[in-house]
Each structure stands twice: as C-alpha cells, then as structure tokens.
Amino acid sequence: MDSSQKIKEFVDQAQSIVITSHKSPDGDSIGSSLALYHLLKKWGKNVQVVHPDPAPEFLHWVPGQLQIIDFERKAEQAISVIQTADLIFCLDYNEPSRVGDQMQPYLLASGAAKVMIDHHLHPTDFCQVIISETAACSTCELVYKWLSDIQRLDDLDETSGTCIYLGIMTDTGSFRFPSVTASTHEIIADLIRRGVKHYLIHEAVYDTNTVDRIKLRGFALSEKLVCLNDIHVAYASLSEEELKRYNYQKGDTEGLVNQILGIQGIKMAVLFVEKDGKVKISFRAKGDYFVNLLAKTHFEGGGHAYASGGISSESLEKTVGKFVTFVKDFIPKT
C-alpha cells in the first residue's frame, strides 16, 4: 500500500485527529493545517488543530483560524488534545524539534499514529507514514496531491481551496520561485474553478499594512541595509529596541528579506531580527547562490536551497559579524 492510501486508511480508522505544524506559523503551515481541518470535518471526523504559537495578525482572516489551539497560550488544552489523539498529522515540518521545546515532549510521548506531509530536506524518522517531496513548492501542494491520489478532489470547496491557495502563494513568493511548475499552475487553475477568489487572498496578505509596519520596514531598508556588492550579498538587522520603537507585532517583518533580494545585482539576502534573547535569521537566494548549507553549518538551521532559516543565541552584533566572516565560503567561486 502506498503512502497516500495508508494515510487514508489511518484517517478512516481514527476517532480523534490532531493536526500540528511548526513554530512561527506562516502561510503554508496555516494553509495546509486548515485545508486539512476543513476536509476532515467534512468527512465527519473529530479533528482539532494544535500549533506551538499564535498566527501573525496578517493571517487572522484565514477560514478556521480561530479554531487553532496554540500551545503558547492554551497549553493545558493543547496537551489534553494531543494526549487523547489516535492520529496526529505533522504538516510542513521534518523533525519534532520544529514544534518548539514546550510542545515537542508531548508530541513524542503520544502513542498516536503519526503522519508527515512535508517538503523540507532531510526528514527524520518519527512518523509511521511520510510523504516528503523536497521538489514540491509547498506542503499545501502536497495536500492537494494527496487528495488527488485518494480520489477525493471533489471534496475541495472554496473554503479549503482558499487555504491551499494561501500556502502555495506564500511559499512560492507569489509564484516566482523555481519550485513553481506547470503542475503548480494547474492546481491554482483548479482552485479558481472551485470558487477561490485569488485576488482577495493577495489583498489580505499583502495589502493590510499598518503605519508602524510600513515605518519599521522603511527604517530597515533605509538605515539598516548593508550591501556587499562585490559578492552580491545584502543584509539588514533589527534589534529588539528597534522593534519596540516601531511597536512591532508578529508578522511585521514578513517578506522583508524578499524585498532585499529584489535589489538589482543581489543574489543572497539575509534578515537578522533580535527577539526574546535570540536572533532569528531569514535567508533568501537566487541564481547560483544557495543558502541552506550556510544556515545549517553556522546558524542551527536549514531549509531549501533558495529559502532557509536559522537561529543564534549570540548577540545581534556577534551574529551579524559571524555571517560576514563565513558568507564568502558559501557563494560560488568565480
């Protein structure tokens, strides 16, 4: 029995299903989780979504978002739901540490069958069934393909389709990354035929900026941007004090690293954000520049060749200095 059919068998037999995803939710983790949530509810299943922490404000409009139990604010409820589940979906992450230190022990201690659907490199073996396609543009694309494999695409409607569109749109940088294929666009066409209003999704994600968010991004680009033109690399850093100055809200720096990558002649862009004693690092690249090995080797991270993340426990100044020291080892030699 192949993976898709095995997952269907698990779903058919399950009495209580929990959908999980990674810490610091994004469009693909929210989209894949809620698409599956709506589908399983339609199939008459008892299903709940448990995420490690809340979604950023710009994703609060997603259908079903209010139903997500986040471990950070509702730990007792989240633990209870995980402990009573007999099937757990692990969406958009490849190893249990991605759900964070608080939630990970309960995920691993659960005796429920576990299913991974993910597109990140190097999945670890903690699930009974794994669908891992690193060439896929998003986990939402894989959820759609799973439905196709089990011949349940007719159950997709505007609500679940909106969630899938969101994940594909955000994880492809609005369809501009190399991971986008003809098949991706065929999926999008099918979603639009099912009633998905693509223009409203773009507006909800990209056209709802606050004044503080615009000012923060303007400050980052005008005052904190550094271009290493000789190696086609650019970066910006934001300290915790600078975030407070602009009344930072979760999600305010979303997509900022892509703007840096859009600078003419730049092939690698990096954003350093200091928060809660850590420095979160976002890497983006294009062309013959790749960032996943740099993130993994020096910043406890990893991801895709053109889009990766990392973390540092050192100061913002030391973290940026470390990046400047080592970045030349990870760019093409001319």
C-alpha atoms as a PDB file:
ATOM      1  CA  MET A   1       0.000   0.000   0.000  1.00  0.00           C
ATOM      2  CA  ASP A   2       1.470   3.385  -0.977  1.00  0.00           C
ATOM      3  CA  SER A   3       1.750   6.309   1.449  1.00  0.00           C
ATOM      4  CA  SER A   4      -1.335   8.162   0.214  1.00  0.00           C
ATOM      5  CA  GLN A   5      -3.589   5.144   0.635  1.00  0.00           C
ATOM      6  CA  LYS A   6      -2.054   4.318   4.007  1.00  0.00           C
ATOM      7  CA  ILE A   7      -2.850   7.821   5.244  1.00  0.00           C
ATOM      8  CA  LYS A   8      -6.429   7.427   4.024  1.00  0.00           C
ATOM      9  CA  GLU A   9      -6.656   4.155   5.936  1.00  0.00           C
ATOM     10  CA  PHE A  10      -5.384   5.863   9.100  1.00  0.00           C
ATOM     11  CA  VAL A  11      -7.964   8.637   8.672  1.00  0.00           C
ATOM     12  CA  ASP A  12     -10.793   6.148   8.108  1.00  0.00           C
ATOM     13  CA  GLN A  13      -9.924   4.318  11.324  1.00  0.00           C
ATOM     14  CA  ALA A  14      -9.182   7.362  13.501  1.00  0.00           C
ATOM     15  CA  GLN A  15     -11.570   8.552  16.192  1.00  0.00           C
ATOM     16  CA  SER A  16      -9.673  11.676  17.247  1.00  0.00           C
ATOM     17  CA  ILE A  17      -7.328  13.507  14.867  1.00  0.00           C
ATOM     18  CA  VAL A  18      -4.907  16.333  15.672  1.00  0.00           C
ATOM     19  CA  ILE A  19      -3.176  18.474  13.056  1.00  0.00           C
ATOM     20  CA  THR A  20       0.148  20.038  14.073  1.00  0.00           C
ATOM     21  CA  SER A  21       2.660  22.278  12.363  1.00  0.00           C
ATOM     22  CA  HIS A  22       5.881  24.137  13.106  1.00  0.00           C
ATOM     23  CA  LYS A  23       6.655  27.019  15.441  1.00  0.00           C
ATOM     24  CA  SER A  24       6.353  30.547  13.998  1.00  0.00           C
ATOM     25  CA  PRO A  25       3.440  29.766  11.666  1.00  0.00           C
ATOM     26  CA  ASP A  26       3.443  31.010   8.106  1.00  0.00           C
ATOM     27  CA  GLY A  27       1.081  30.860   5.149  1.00  0.00           C
ATOM     28  CA  ASP A  28       1.939  27.280   4.248  1.00  0.00           C
ATOM     29  CA  SER A  29       1.687  25.880   7.780  1.00  0.00           C
ATOM     30  CA  ILE A  30      -1.597  27.699   8.434  1.00  0.00           C
ATOM     31  CA  GLY A  31      -2.926  26.932   4.968  1.00  0.00           C
ATOM     32  CA  SER A  32      -2.132  23.217   4.969  1.00  0.00           C
ATOM     33  CA  SER A  33      -3.395  22.767   8.543  1.00  0.00           C
ATOM     34  CA  LEU A  34      -6.722  24.490   7.942  1.00  0.00           C
ATOM     35  CA  ALA A  35      -7.271  22.976   4.497  1.00  0.00           C
ATOM     36  CA  LEU A  36      -6.935  19.526   6.045  1.00  0.00           C
ATOM     37  CA  TYR A  37      -9.054  20.587   9.034  1.00  0.00           C
ATOM     38  CA  HIS A  38     -11.972  21.647   6.806  1.00  0.00           C
ATOM     39  CA  LEU A  39     -11.728  18.491   4.715  1.00  0.00           C
ATOM     40  CA  LEU A  40     -11.650  16.154   7.711  1.00  0.00           C
ATOM     41  CA  LYS A  41     -14.601  17.986   9.268  1.00  0.00           C
ATOM     42  CA  LYS A  42     -16.491  17.497   6.014  1.00  0.00           C
ATOM     43  CA  TRP A  43     -15.706  13.782   6.264  1.00  0.00           C
ATOM     44  CA  GLY A  44     -17.313  13.697   9.712  1.00  0.00           C
ATOM     45  CA  LYS A  45     -14.093  13.399  11.698  1.00  0.00           C
ATOM     46  CA  ASN A  46     -13.374  14.709  15.187  1.00  0.00           C
ATOM     47  CA  VAL A  47     -10.388  16.935  14.373  1.00  0.00           C
ATOM     48  CA  GLN A  48      -8.524  19.794  16.020  1.00  0.00           C
ATOM     49  CA  VAL A  49      -5.511  21.899  15.075  1.00  0.00           C
ATOM     50  CA  VAL A  50      -2.731  22.450  17.621  1.00  0.00           C
ATOM     51  CA  HIS A  51       0.103  24.837  16.794  1.00  0.00           C
ATOM     52  CA  PRO A  52       3.030  25.818  19.036  1.00  0.00           C
ATOM     53  CA  ASP A  53       2.277  29.563  18.970  1.00  0.00           C
ATOM     54  CA  PRO A  54      -0.250  32.042  17.565  1.00  0.00           C
ATOM     55  CA  ALA A  55      -0.507  33.037  13.916  1.00  0.00           C
ATOM     56  CA  PRO A  56       0.648  36.525  12.946  1.00  0.00           C
ATOM     57  CA  GLU A  57      -2.090  39.099  12.561  1.00  0.00           C
ATOM     58  CA  PHE A  58      -1.942  39.171   8.769  1.00  0.00           C
ATOM     59  CA  LEU A  59      -3.175  35.540   8.747  1.00  0.00           C
ATOM     60  CA  HIS A  60      -6.078  36.002  11.167  1.00  0.00           C
ATOM     61  CA  TRP A  61      -8.559  36.175   8.279  1.00  0.00           C
ATOM     62  CA  VAL A  62      -7.951  32.566   7.139  1.00  0.00           C
ATOM     63  CA  PRO A  63     -11.138  30.461   7.433  1.00  0.00           C
ATOM     64  CA  GLY A  64     -10.980  28.411  10.636  1.00  0.00           C
ATOM     65  CA  GLN A  65      -8.037  30.315  12.140  1.00  0.00           C
ATOM     66  CA  LEU A  66      -9.949  30.942  15.366  1.00  0.00           C
ATOM     67  CA  GLN A  67     -10.267  27.189  15.862  1.00  0.00           C
ATOM     68  CA  ILE A  68      -6.498  26.696  16.187  1.00  0.00           C
ATOM     69  CA  ILE A  69      -5.332  25.833  19.710  1.00  0.00           C
ATOM     70  CA  ASP A  70      -1.914  27.375  20.257  1.00  0.00           C
ATOM     71  CA  PHE A  71       0.306  25.757  22.864  1.00  0.00           C
ATOM     72  CA  GLU A  72       1.818  29.054  23.953  1.00  0.00           C
ATOM     73  CA  ARG A  73      -1.462  30.449  25.287  1.00  0.00           C
ATOM     74  CA  LYS A  74      -3.554  27.304  25.845  1.00  0.00           C
ATOM     75  CA  ALA A  75      -1.048  24.687  26.958  1.00  0.00           C
ATOM     76  CA  GLU A  76      -3.424  22.677  29.137  1.00  0.00           C
ATOM     77  CA  GLN A  77      -5.995  22.316  26.373  1.00  0.00           C
ATOM     78  CA  ALA A  78      -3.321  21.548  23.774  1.00  0.00           C
ATOM     79  CA  ILE A  79      -1.765  18.823  25.939  1.00  0.00           C
ATOM     80  CA  SER A  80      -5.150  17.218  26.531  1.00  0.00           C
ATOM     81  CA  VAL A  81      -5.960  17.181  22.831  1.00  0.00           C
ATOM     82  CA  ILE A  82      -2.573  15.658  21.913  1.00  0.00           C
ATOM     83  CA  GLN A  83      -2.787  13.013  24.635  1.00  0.00           C
ATOM     84  CA  THR A  84      -6.226  11.815  23.544  1.00  0.00           C
ATOM     85  CA  ALA A  85      -5.491  11.717  19.804  1.00  0.00           C
ATOM     86  CA  ASP A  86      -5.133   8.449  17.946  1.00  0.00           C
ATOM     87  CA  LEU A  87      -3.822  10.119  14.758  1.00  0.00           C
ATOM     88  CA  ILE A  88      -1.523  13.140  14.516  1.00  0.00           C
ATOM     89  CA  PHE A  89      -0.703  14.927  11.273  1.00  0.00           C
ATOM     90  CA  CYS A  90       2.696  16.647  11.194  1.00  0.00           C
ATOM     91  CA  LEU A  91       2.451  19.215   8.434  1.00  0.00           C
ATOM     92  CA  ASP A  92       5.192  21.409   6.982  1.00  0.00           C
ATOM     93  CA  TYR A  93       7.966  20.229   9.291  1.00  0.00           C
ATOM     94  CA  ASN A  94      10.532  17.466   9.016  1.00  0.00           C
ATOM     95  CA  GLU A  95      11.620  16.834  12.611  1.00  0.00           C
ATOM     96  CA  PRO A  96       9.914  17.109  16.009  1.00  0.00           C
ATOM     97  CA  SER A  97      12.152  19.917  17.283  1.00  0.00           C
ATOM     98  CA  ARG A  98      10.424  22.255  14.831  1.00  0.00           C
ATOM     99  CA  VAL A  99       7.371  22.426  17.100  1.00  0.00           C
ATOM    100  CA  GLY A 100       9.465  24.013  19.861  1.00  0.00           C
ATOM    101  CA  ASP A 101      10.775  22.918  23.243  1.00  0.00           C
ATOM    102  CA  GLN A 102       7.424  23.200  25.036  1.00  0.00           C
ATOM    103  CA  MET A 103       5.319  21.136  22.654  1.00  0.00           C
ATOM    104  CA  GLN A 104       7.899  18.603  21.446  1.00  0.00           C
ATOM    105  CA  PRO A 105       7.850  16.280  24.523  1.00  0.00           C
ATOM    106  CA  TYR A 106       4.080  15.815  24.269  1.00  0.00           C
ATOM    107  CA  LEU A 107       4.255  15.161  20.538  1.00  0.00           C
ATOM    108  CA  LEU A 108       6.921  12.490  21.006  1.00  0.00           C
ATOM    109  CA  ALA A 109       5.221  10.918  24.037  1.00  0.00           C
ATOM    110  CA  SER A 110       1.937  10.478  22.194  1.00  0.00           C
ATOM    111  CA  GLY A 111       1.114   6.905  21.235  1.00  0.00           C
ATOM    112  CA  ALA A 112      -0.969   8.111  18.283  1.00  0.00           C
ATOM    113  CA  ALA A 113      -0.065   7.111  14.753  1.00  0.00           C
ATOM    114  CA  LYS A 114       1.792   9.989  13.126  1.00  0.00           C
ATOM    115  CA  VAL A 115       1.733  11.150   9.509  1.00  0.00           C
ATOM    116  CA  MET A 116       4.201  13.606   7.993  1.00  0.00           C
ATOM    117  CA  ILE A 117       3.376  15.646   4.900  1.00  0.00           C
ATOM    118  CA  ASP A 118       6.253  17.996   4.184  1.00  0.00           C
ATOM    119  CA  HIS A 119       8.611  19.396   1.543  1.00  0.00           C
ATOM    120  CA  HIS A 120      11.732  20.225   3.551  1.00  0.00           C
ATOM    121  CA  LEU A 121      15.062  18.461   3.200  1.00  0.00           C
ATOM    122  CA  HIS A 122      16.219  15.569   5.386  1.00  0.00           C
ATOM    123  CA  PRO A 123      13.044  14.349   7.141  1.00  0.00           C
ATOM    124  CA  THR A 124      13.648  12.404  10.343  1.00  0.00           C
ATOM    125  CA  ASP A 125      12.009   9.079  11.051  1.00  0.00           C
ATOM    126  CA  PHE A 126       9.460   9.901  13.760  1.00  0.00           C
ATOM    127  CA  CYS A 127       6.262   9.235  11.808  1.00  0.00           C
ATOM    128  CA  GLN A 128       4.695   5.960  10.671  1.00  0.00           C
ATOM    129  CA  VAL A 129       3.883   7.326   7.227  1.00  0.00           C
ATOM    130  CA  ILE A 130       5.824  10.032   5.415  1.00  0.00           C
ATOM    131  CA  ILE A 131       5.051  11.994   2.281  1.00  0.00           C
ATOM    132  CA  SER A 132       8.206  14.030   1.718  1.00  0.00           C
ATOM    133  CA  GLU A 133       8.771  15.695  -1.640  1.00  0.00           C
ATOM    134  CA  THR A 134      11.507  18.294  -1.490  1.00  0.00           C
ATOM    135  CA  ALA A 135      10.808  19.388  -5.056  1.00  0.00           C
ATOM    136  CA  ALA A 136       7.261  20.398  -4.134  1.00  0.00           C
ATOM    137  CA  CYS A 137       6.694  24.129  -3.853  1.00  0.00           C
ATOM    138  CA  SER A 138       4.727  23.844  -0.611  1.00  0.00           C
ATOM    139  CA  THR A 139       3.063  21.477   1.808  1.00  0.00           C
ATOM    140  CA  CYS A 140      -0.279  22.783   0.544  1.00  0.00           C
ATOM    141  CA  GLU A 141       0.607  21.448  -2.900  1.00  0.00           C
ATOM    142  CA  LEU A 142       1.255  18.038  -1.323  1.00  0.00           C
ATOM    143  CA  VAL A 143      -2.093  18.091   0.494  1.00  0.00           C
ATOM    144  CA  TYR A 144      -3.773  18.753  -2.848  1.00  0.00           C
ATOM    145  CA  LYS A 145      -1.849  15.900  -4.482  1.00  0.00           C
ATOM    146  CA  TRP A 146      -2.788  13.577  -1.619  1.00  0.00           C
ATOM    147  CA  LEU A 147      -6.453  14.339  -2.248  1.00  0.00           C
ATOM    148  CA  SER A 148      -5.897  13.613  -5.924  1.00  0.00           C
ATOM    149  CA  ASP A 149      -4.165  10.305  -5.135  1.00  0.00           C
ATOM    150  CA  ILE A 150      -7.075   9.105  -2.987  1.00  0.00           C
ATOM    151  CA  GLN A 151      -9.628  10.458  -5.492  1.00  0.00           C
ATOM    152  CA  ARG A 152     -11.208  12.966  -3.102  1.00  0.00           C
ATOM    153  CA  LEU A 153     -10.602  16.214  -5.013  1.00  0.00           C
ATOM    154  CA  ASP A 154     -14.349  16.673  -5.382  1.00  0.00           C
ATOM    155  CA  ASP A 155     -14.453  17.442  -1.662  1.00  0.00           C
ATOM    156  CA  LEU A 156     -12.375  20.582  -2.181  1.00  0.00           C
ATOM    157  CA  ASP A 157     -14.536  23.693  -1.976  1.00  0.00           C
ATOM    158  CA  GLU A 158     -13.923  27.436  -1.778  1.00  0.00           C
ATOM    159  CA  THR A 159     -13.069  27.306   1.930  1.00  0.00           C
ATOM    160  CA  SER A 160     -10.479  24.514   1.859  1.00  0.00           C
ATOM    161  CA  GLY A 161      -9.276  25.694  -1.546  1.00  0.00           C
ATOM    162  CA  THR A 162      -8.614  29.175  -0.173  1.00  0.00           C
ATOM    163  CA  CYS A 163      -6.339  27.660   2.459  1.00  0.00           C
ATOM    164  CA  ILE A 164      -4.412  25.672  -0.150  1.00  0.00           C
ATOM    165  CA  TYR A 165      -4.048  28.707  -2.406  1.00  0.00           C
ATOM    166  CA  LEU A 166      -2.672  30.705   0.540  1.00  0.00           C
ATOM    167  CA  GLY A 167       0.074  28.169   1.234  1.00  0.00           C
ATOM    168  CA  ILE A 168       1.134  27.844  -2.377  1.00  0.00           C
ATOM    169  CA  MET A 169       1.103  31.602  -2.935  1.00  0.00           C
ATOM    170  CA  THR A 170       3.185  32.480   0.127  1.00  0.00           C
ATOM    171  CA  ASP A 171       5.712  29.631  -0.141  1.00  0.00           C
ATOM    172  CA  THR A 172       6.422  30.441  -3.790  1.00  0.00           C
ATOM    173  CA  GLY A 173       6.835  34.187  -3.268  1.00  0.00           C
ATOM    174  CA  SER A 174       3.664  34.749  -5.309  1.00  0.00           C
ATOM    175  CA  PHE A 175       4.653  32.117  -7.888  1.00  0.00           C
ATOM    176  CA  ARG A 176       8.140  33.391  -8.671  1.00  0.00           C
ATOM    177  CA  PHE A 177      10.431  30.744  -7.165  1.00  0.00           C
ATOM    178  CA  PRO A 178      11.987  27.912  -9.232  1.00  0.00           C
ATOM    179  CA  SER A 179       9.843  25.390  -7.334  1.00  0.00           C
ATOM    180  CA  VAL A 180       6.809  26.547  -9.327  1.00  0.00           C
ATOM    181  CA  THR A 181       5.984  24.170 -12.171  1.00  0.00           C
ATOM    182  CA  ALA A 182       3.271  23.767 -14.762  1.00  0.00           C
ATOM    183  CA  SER A 183       1.585  21.409 -12.314  1.00  0.00           C
ATOM    184  CA  THR A 184       1.525  24.178  -9.696  1.00  0.00           C
ATOM    185  CA  HIS A 185      -0.359  26.463 -12.052  1.00  0.00           C
ATOM    186  CA  GLU A 186      -2.741  23.657 -12.981  1.00  0.00           C
ATOM    187  CA  ILE A 187      -3.558  23.265  -9.286  1.00  0.00           C
ATOM    188  CA  ILE A 188      -4.144  27.007  -8.998  1.00  0.00           C
ATOM    189  CA  ALA A 189      -6.448  26.947 -12.022  1.00  0.00           C
ATOM    190  CA  ASP A 190      -8.461  24.137 -10.444  1.00  0.00           C
ATOM    191  CA  LEU A 191      -8.764  26.065  -7.179  1.00  0.00           C
ATOM    192  CA  ILE A 192     -10.072  29.135  -9.004  1.00  0.00           C
ATOM    193  CA  ARG A 193     -12.615  26.977 -10.810  1.00  0.00           C
ATOM    194  CA  ARG A 194     -13.781  25.781  -7.396  1.00  0.00           C
ATOM    195  CA  GLY A 195     -14.552  29.333  -6.349  1.00  0.00           C
ATOM    196  CA  VAL A 196     -11.328  30.516  -4.742  1.00  0.00           C
ATOM    197  CA  LYS A 197     -11.066  34.308  -5.030  1.00  0.00           C
ATOM    198  CA  HIS A 198      -7.326  34.640  -5.547  1.00  0.00           C
ATOM    199  CA  TYR A 199      -7.302  38.440  -5.625  1.00  0.00           C
ATOM    200  CA  LEU A 200      -8.848  38.655  -2.150  1.00  0.00           C
ATOM    201  CA  ILE A 201      -6.159  36.342  -0.752  1.00  0.00           C
ATOM    202  CA  HIS A 202      -3.402  38.543  -2.201  1.00  0.00           C
ATOM    203  CA  GLU A 203      -5.070  41.637  -0.719  1.00  0.00           C
ATOM    204  CA  ALA A 204      -5.492  40.027   2.709  1.00  0.00           C
ATOM    205  CA  VAL A 205      -1.828  39.024   2.883  1.00  0.00           C
ATOM    206  CA  TYR A 206      -0.024  41.870   1.155  1.00  0.00           C
ATOM    207  CA  ASP A 207      -2.303  44.934   1.364  1.00  0.00           C
ATOM    208  CA  THR A 208      -3.115  45.212   5.069  1.00  0.00           C
ATOM    209  CA  ASN A 209      -0.088  47.101   6.375  1.00  0.00           C
ATOM    210  CA  THR A 210      -0.251  49.269   9.495  1.00  0.00           C
ATOM    211  CA  VAL A 211       1.555  52.612   9.665  1.00  0.00           C
ATOM    212  CA  ASP A 212       4.011  51.198  12.219  1.00  0.00           C
ATOM    213  CA  ARG A 213       4.767  48.209   9.984  1.00  0.00           C
ATOM    214  CA  ILE A 214       5.476  50.464   6.999  1.00  0.00           C
ATOM    215  CA  LYS A 215       7.735  52.668   9.119  1.00  0.00           C
ATOM    216  CA  LEU A 216       9.636  49.675  10.508  1.00  0.00           C
ATOM    217  CA  ARG A 217      10.237  48.277   7.055  1.00  0.00           C
ATOM    218  CA  GLY A 218      11.245  51.711   5.772  1.00  0.00           C
ATOM    219  CA  PHE A 219      13.713  52.079   8.641  1.00  0.00           C
ATOM    220  CA  ALA A 220      15.191  48.650   7.963  1.00  0.00           C
ATOM    221  CA  LEU A 221      15.696  49.386   4.274  1.00  0.00           C
ATOM    222  CA  SER A 222      16.915  52.968   4.607  1.00  0.00           C
ATOM    223  CA  GLU A 223      19.002  52.806   7.790  1.00  0.00           C
ATOM    224  CA  LYS A 224      19.972  49.172   8.391  1.00  0.00           C
ATOM    225  CA  LEU A 225      20.608  47.823   4.906  1.00  0.00           C
ATOM    226  CA  VAL A 226      24.162  46.717   4.106  1.00  0.00           C
ATOM    227  CA  CYS A 227      25.148  45.719   0.569  1.00  0.00           C
ATOM    228  CA  LEU A 228      28.284  43.661  -0.042  1.00  0.00           C
ATOM    229  CA  ASN A 229      28.242  44.420  -3.733  1.00  0.00           C
ATOM    230  CA  ASP A 230      31.478  42.628  -4.527  1.00  0.00           C
ATOM    231  CA  ILE A 231      29.872  39.300  -3.585  1.00  0.00           C
ATOM    232  CA  HIS A 232      26.228  40.190  -4.478  1.00  0.00           C
ATOM    233  CA  VAL A 233      25.025  39.826  -0.886  1.00  0.00           C
ATOM    234  CA  ALA A 234      22.835  42.195   1.136  1.00  0.00           C
ATOM    235  CA  TYR A 235      21.538  42.056   4.683  1.00  0.00           C
ATOM    236  CA  ALA A 236      19.690  44.065   7.314  1.00  0.00           C
ATOM    237  CA  SER A 237      19.453  43.660  11.074  1.00  0.00           C
ATOM    238  CA  LEU A 238      16.850  44.830  13.571  1.00  0.00           C
ATOM    239  CA  SER A 239      17.478  44.932  17.315  1.00  0.00           C
ATOM    240  CA  GLU A 240      14.802  44.332  19.915  1.00  0.00           C
ATOM    241  CA  GLU A 241      14.947  48.007  20.857  1.00  0.00           C
ATOM    242  CA  GLU A 242      14.333  48.992  17.240  1.00  0.00           C
ATOM    243  CA  LEU A 243      11.362  46.647  17.033  1.00  0.00           C
ATOM    244  CA  LYS A 244       9.870  48.251  20.161  1.00  0.00           C
ATOM    245  CA  ARG A 245      10.410  51.702  18.708  1.00  0.00           C
ATOM    246  CA  TYR A 246       8.019  50.818  15.896  1.00  0.00           C
ATOM    247  CA  ASN A 247       5.526  48.885  18.059  1.00  0.00           C
ATOM    248  CA  TYR A 248       6.459  45.586  16.445  1.00  0.00           C
ATOM    249  CA  GLN A 249       3.741  42.981  16.035  1.00  0.00           C
ATOM    250  CA  LYS A 250       4.302  39.386  14.984  1.00  0.00           C
ATOM    251  CA  GLY A 251       4.486  39.249  11.188  1.00  0.00           C
ATOM    252  CA  ASP A 252       5.646  42.847  10.655  1.00  0.00           C
ATOM    253  CA  THR A 253       8.917  41.725   9.058  1.00  0.00           C
ATOM    254  CA  GLU A 254       7.290  39.011   6.929  1.00  0.00           C
ATOM    255  CA  GLY A 255       8.549  39.264   3.339  1.00  0.00           C
ATOM    256  CA  LEU A 256      11.113  41.962   4.147  1.00  0.00           C
ATOM    257  CA  VAL A 257      14.006  39.675   3.201  1.00  0.00           C
ATOM    258  CA  ASN A 258      12.418  39.199  -0.226  1.00  0.00           C
ATOM    259  CA  GLN A 259      12.454  42.957  -0.755  1.00  0.00           C
ATOM    260  CA  ILE A 260      16.181  42.944  -0.025  1.00  0.00           C
ATOM    261  CA  LEU A 261      16.663  40.123  -2.513  1.00  0.00           C
ATOM    262  CA  GLY A 262      14.879  42.264  -5.089  1.00  0.00           C
ATOM    263  CA  ILE A 263      17.742  44.783  -5.150  1.00  0.00           C
ATOM    264  CA  GLN A 264      19.389  44.809  -8.561  1.00  0.00           C
ATOM    265  CA  GLY A 265      22.529  42.671  -8.595  1.00  0.00           C
ATOM    266  CA  ILE A 266      21.840  40.975  -5.230  1.00  0.00           C
ATOM    267  CA  LYS A 267      21.791  37.175  -5.213  1.00  0.00           C
ATOM    268  CA  MET A 268      21.656  36.490  -1.460  1.00  0.00           C
ATOM    269  CA  ALA A 269      19.618  38.406   1.100  1.00  0.00           C
ATOM    270  CA  VAL A 270      19.585  37.919   4.869  1.00  0.00           C
ATOM    271  CA  LEU A 271      17.464  39.452   7.615  1.00  0.00           C
ATOM    272  CA  PHE A 272      18.508  39.311  11.285  1.00  0.00           C
ATOM    273  CA  VAL A 273      15.796  40.014  13.870  1.00  0.00           C
ATOM    274  CA  GLU A 274      16.575  40.093  17.602  1.00  0.00           C
ATOM    275  CA  LYS A 275      13.689  38.936  19.784  1.00  0.00           C
ATOM    276  CA  ASP A 276      13.430  37.373  23.252  1.00  0.00           C
ATOM    277  CA  GLY A 277      17.175  36.910  23.653  1.00  0.00           C
ATOM    278  CA  LYS A 278      17.615  35.147  20.306  1.00  0.00           C
ATOM    279  CA  VAL A 279      18.376  36.261  16.786  1.00  0.00           C
ATOM    280  CA  LYS A 280      16.078  34.830  14.138  1.00  0.00           C
ATOM    281  CA  ILE A 281      17.667  34.705  10.680  1.00  0.00           C
ATOM    282  CA  SER A 282      15.911  34.530   7.311  1.00  0.00           C
ATOM    283  CA  PHE A 283      17.953  33.607   4.235  1.00  0.00           C
ATOM    284  CA  ARG A 284      16.864  34.028   0.605  1.00  0.00           C
ATOM    285  CA  ALA A 285      18.817  33.492  -2.604  1.00  0.00           C
ATOM    286  CA  LYS A 286      18.507  33.118  -6.348  1.00  0.00           C
ATOM    287  CA  GLY A 287      20.502  32.075  -9.367  1.00  0.00           C
ATOM    288  CA  ASP A 288      23.573  30.028  -8.495  1.00  0.00           C
ATOM    289  CA  TYR A 289      23.586  31.111  -4.835  1.00  0.00           C
ATOM    290  CA  PHE A 290      22.271  28.658  -2.222  1.00  0.00           C
ATOM    291  CA  VAL A 291      21.682  29.285   1.473  1.00  0.00           C
ATOM    292  CA  ASN A 292      20.576  26.055   3.170  1.00  0.00           C
ATOM    293  CA  LEU A 293      24.100  24.793   3.884  1.00  0.00           C
ATOM    294  CA  LEU A 294      25.141  28.171   5.333  1.00  0.00           C
ATOM    295  CA  ALA A 295      22.100  28.157   7.616  1.00  0.00           C
ATOM    296  CA  LYS A 296      22.769  24.587   8.732  1.00  0.00           C
ATOM    297  CA  THR A 297      26.534  24.906   9.239  1.00  0.00           C
ATOM    298  CA  HIS A 298      26.625  28.095  11.281  1.00  0.00           C
ATOM    299  CA  PHE A 299      23.124  29.004  12.462  1.00  0.00           C
ATOM    300  CA  GLU A 300      21.384  25.815  13.672  1.00  0.00           C
ATOM    301  CA  GLY A 301      19.014  25.976  10.730  1.00  0.00           C
ATOM    302  CA  GLY A 302      18.413  24.770   7.236  1.00  0.00           C
ATOM    303  CA  GLY A 303      15.655  24.596   4.674  1.00  0.00           C
ATOM    304  CA  HIS A 304      15.564  24.941   0.939  1.00  0.00           C
ATOM    305  CA  ALA A 305      18.359  25.970  -1.389  1.00  0.00           C
ATOM    306  CA  TYR A 306      16.779  29.371  -2.009  1.00  0.00           C
ATOM    307  CA  ALA A 307      14.878  29.873   1.257  1.00  0.00           C
ATOM    308  CA  SER A 308      16.177  28.879   4.678  1.00  0.00           C
ATOM    309  CA  GLY A 309      16.064  29.925   8.301  1.00  0.00           C
ATOM    310  CA  GLY A 310      18.377  29.927  11.270  1.00  0.00           C
ATOM    311  CA  ILE A 311      18.723  30.983  14.891  1.00  0.00           C
ATOM    312  CA  SER A 312      21.529  32.348  17.049  1.00  0.00           C
ATOM    313  CA  SER A 313      21.894  32.644  20.818  1.00  0.00           C
ATOM    314  CA  GLU A 314      24.737  35.146  20.453  1.00  0.00           C
ATOM    315  CA  SER A 315      24.224  38.898  20.406  1.00  0.00           C
ATOM    316  CA  LEU A 316      22.916  40.569  17.273  1.00  0.00           C
ATOM    317  CA  GLU A 317      26.298  42.177  16.662  1.00  0.00           C
ATOM    318  CA  LYS A 318      28.190  38.887  17.020  1.00  0.00           C
ATOM    319  CA  THR A 319      25.675  37.025  14.870  1.00  0.00           C
ATOM    320  CA  VAL A 320      25.960  39.514  12.023  1.00  0.00           C
ATOM    321  CA  GLY A 321      29.748  39.502  12.357  1.00  0.00           C
ATOM    322  CA  LYS A 322      29.788  35.713  12.169  1.00  0.00           C
ATOM    323  CA  PHE A 323      27.698  35.834   8.998  1.00  0.00           C
ATOM    324  CA  VAL A 324      30.003  38.381   7.350  1.00  0.00           C
ATOM    325  CA  THR A 325      33.013  36.232   8.264  1.00  0.00           C
ATOM    326  CA  PHE A 326      31.672  32.996   6.807  1.00  0.00           C
ATOM    327  CA  VAL A 327      29.373  34.022   3.959  1.00  0.00           C
ATOM    328  CA  LYS A 328      32.162  34.045   1.355  1.00  0.00           C
ATOM    329  CA  ASP A 329      32.680  30.309   1.936  1.00  0.00           C
ATOM    330  CA  PHE A 330      29.152  29.640   0.682  1.00  0.00           C
ATOM    331  CA  ILE A 331      28.976  31.618  -2.523  1.00  0.00           C
ATOM    332  CA  PRO A 332      30.050  30.402  -5.993  1.00  0.00           C
ATOM    333  CA  LYS A 333      33.719  30.747  -6.726  1.00  0.00           C
ATOM    334  CA  THR A 334      34.474  32.879  -9.776  1.00  0.00           C
END
